[in-house]
Amino acid sequence: MRKGFEGLYGLVRDRLQLEPLSGHVFIFCNKARNRTKVLFWDGSGLWICAKRLQKGRFSWPSEDQEQVRVSLSHEELALLLGGIEVGRTRRKNWYRKELLSNEKVEEKAGV
């Protein structure tokens, strides 16, 4: 958890192969899962937010070491940061409109 702006930016770009300036929120956790950092772009600059738990651990969505990235909804992110196990909750079968990815938006815009 020593990485700052440039280090986390590089992880998102190189390891996750995503665009750090996309507006998405990227969350990182240490091996002990008692510290986390959040990186996001607000349109004018990068933000880093950090949290260290005094006791306990974050319930990370996947224990699989092979899986590098996990997509979470904003509700799941709130649960994770609030100390609720995301894996033990279940989503109701409500209608949810699928958001377009950046590639699909660019195709529709003719870019």
Protein backbone atom coordinates (compact mmCIF):
# COMPACT_ATOMS: atom_id res chain seq x y z
CA MET A 1 0.00 0.00 0.00
CA ARG A 2 2.94 2.32 -0.63
CA LYS A 3 1.84 3.38 -4.10
CA GLY A 4 0.65 6.90 -4.72
CA PHE A 5 -0.92 8.60 -7.72
CA GLU A 6 1.57 7.46 -10.36
CA GLY A 7 1.90 3.91 -9.01
CA LEU A 8 -1.84 3.26 -8.86
CA TYR A 9 -2.34 4.98 -12.23
CA GLY A 10 0.26 2.60 -13.69
CA LEU A 11 -1.40 -0.47 -12.14
CA VAL A 12 -4.75 0.45 -13.64
CA ARG A 13 -3.27 1.18 -17.07
CA ASP A 14 -0.75 -1.68 -17.32
CA ARG A 15 -2.02 -4.53 -15.16
CA LEU A 16 -5.77 -4.03 -15.40
CA GLN A 17 -5.51 -2.63 -18.94
CA LEU A 18 -8.14 0.01 -18.25
CA GLU A 19 -8.15 3.78 -18.70
CA PRO A 20 -7.54 5.48 -15.32
CA LEU A 21 -9.13 8.72 -16.55
CA SER A 22 -12.39 6.98 -17.52
CA GLY A 23 -14.29 8.12 -14.44
CA HIS A 24 -14.47 4.59 -13.00
CA VAL A 25 -13.56 3.99 -9.37
CA PHE A 26 -10.62 1.64 -8.77
CA ILE A 27 -10.18 0.07 -5.34
CA PHE A 28 -7.03 -1.69 -4.12
CA CYS A 29 -6.46 -3.78 -1.01
CA ASN A 30 -3.36 -5.07 0.76
CA LYS A 31 -2.68 -8.76 1.35
CA ALA A 32 -3.87 -8.63 4.98
CA ARG A 33 -7.07 -6.91 3.74
CA ASN A 34 -7.04 -4.33 6.52
CA ARG A 35 -6.12 -1.39 4.27
CA THR A 36 -7.65 -0.14 1.08
CA LYS A 37 -7.09 2.68 -1.37
CA VAL A 38 -9.54 4.12 -3.87
CA LEU A 39 -8.38 5.89 -7.04
CA PHE A 40 -10.70 7.91 -9.24
CA TRP A 41 -10.67 10.76 -11.74
CA ASP A 42 -13.19 13.56 -11.15
CA GLY A 43 -12.65 15.34 -14.46
CA SER A 44 -9.98 17.72 -13.24
CA GLY A 45 -7.62 15.49 -11.26
CA LEU A 46 -7.00 12.17 -9.58
CA TRP A 47 -8.24 11.43 -6.09
CA ILE A 48 -6.81 8.84 -3.71
CA CYS A 49 -8.77 7.89 -0.62
CA ALA A 50 -7.36 5.47 1.94
CA LYS A 51 -8.87 3.54 4.83
CA ARG A 52 -7.12 1.46 7.49
CA LEU A 53 -9.20 -0.73 9.75
CA GLN A 54 -8.26 -0.76 13.42
CA LYS A 55 -9.64 -4.30 13.79
CA GLY A 56 -11.01 -6.81 11.32
CA ARG A 57 -10.61 -7.26 7.59
CA PHE A 58 -12.38 -6.22 4.42
CA SER A 59 -14.44 -9.04 2.90
CA TRP A 60 -13.00 -8.97 -0.59
CA PRO A 61 -15.42 -10.31 -3.26
CA SER A 62 -13.04 -12.98 -4.60
CA GLU A 63 -10.42 -15.01 -2.81
CA ASP A 64 -9.10 -16.30 -6.17
CA GLN A 65 -5.50 -15.13 -6.60
CA GLU A 66 -5.70 -15.60 -10.39
CA GLN A 67 -8.50 -13.05 -10.71
CA VAL A 68 -7.01 -9.58 -10.92
CA ARG A 69 -10.14 -7.48 -11.38
CA VAL A 70 -13.68 -7.64 -10.13
CA SER A 71 -16.54 -5.37 -11.22
CA LEU A 72 -18.81 -4.06 -8.48
CA SER A 73 -21.96 -1.98 -8.58
CA HIS A 74 -22.02 1.18 -6.50
CA GLU A 75 -24.21 -0.65 -3.96
CA GLU A 76 -21.70 -3.50 -3.69
CA LEU A 77 -18.86 -1.01 -3.22
CA ALA A 78 -20.78 0.66 -0.39
CA LEU A 79 -21.35 -2.75 1.23
CA LEU A 80 -17.67 -3.67 0.89
CA LEU A 81 -16.46 -0.41 2.45
CA GLY A 82 -19.17 -0.67 5.13
CA GLY A 83 -17.96 -4.08 6.31
CA ILE A 84 -20.71 -6.24 4.83
CA GLU A 85 -19.76 -9.44 3.00
CA VAL A 86 -20.73 -8.96 -0.63
CA GLY A 87 -20.54 -12.71 -1.34
CA ARG A 88 -23.24 -13.48 1.24
CA THR A 89 -25.74 -11.00 -0.11
CA ARG A 90 -27.92 -11.59 -3.13
CA ARG A 91 -29.44 -9.24 -5.64
CA LYS A 92 -33.18 -9.16 -6.30
CA ASN A 93 -34.36 -9.89 -9.83
CA TRP A 94 -35.26 -6.29 -10.61
CA TYR A 95 -35.02 -4.69 -14.03
CA ARG A 96 -31.64 -3.05 -14.56
CA LYS A 97 -30.70 -1.26 -17.74
CA GLU A 98 -27.25 -2.34 -18.94
CA LEU A 99 -24.82 0.56 -19.26
CA LEU A 100 -22.92 0.91 -22.51
CA SER A 101 -19.17 0.46 -22.39
CA ASN A 102 -16.92 3.24 -23.72
CA GLU A 103 -16.26 1.25 -26.92
CA LYS A 104 -19.97 0.90 -27.71
CA VAL A 105 -20.58 4.59 -26.99
CA GLU A 106 -17.75 5.55 -29.36
CA GLU A 107 -19.14 3.24 -32.08
CA LYS A 108 -22.59 4.81 -31.79
CA ALA A 109 -21.09 8.29 -31.87
CA GLY A 110 -19.17 7.42 -35.04
CA VAL A 111 -15.75 7.96 -33.47
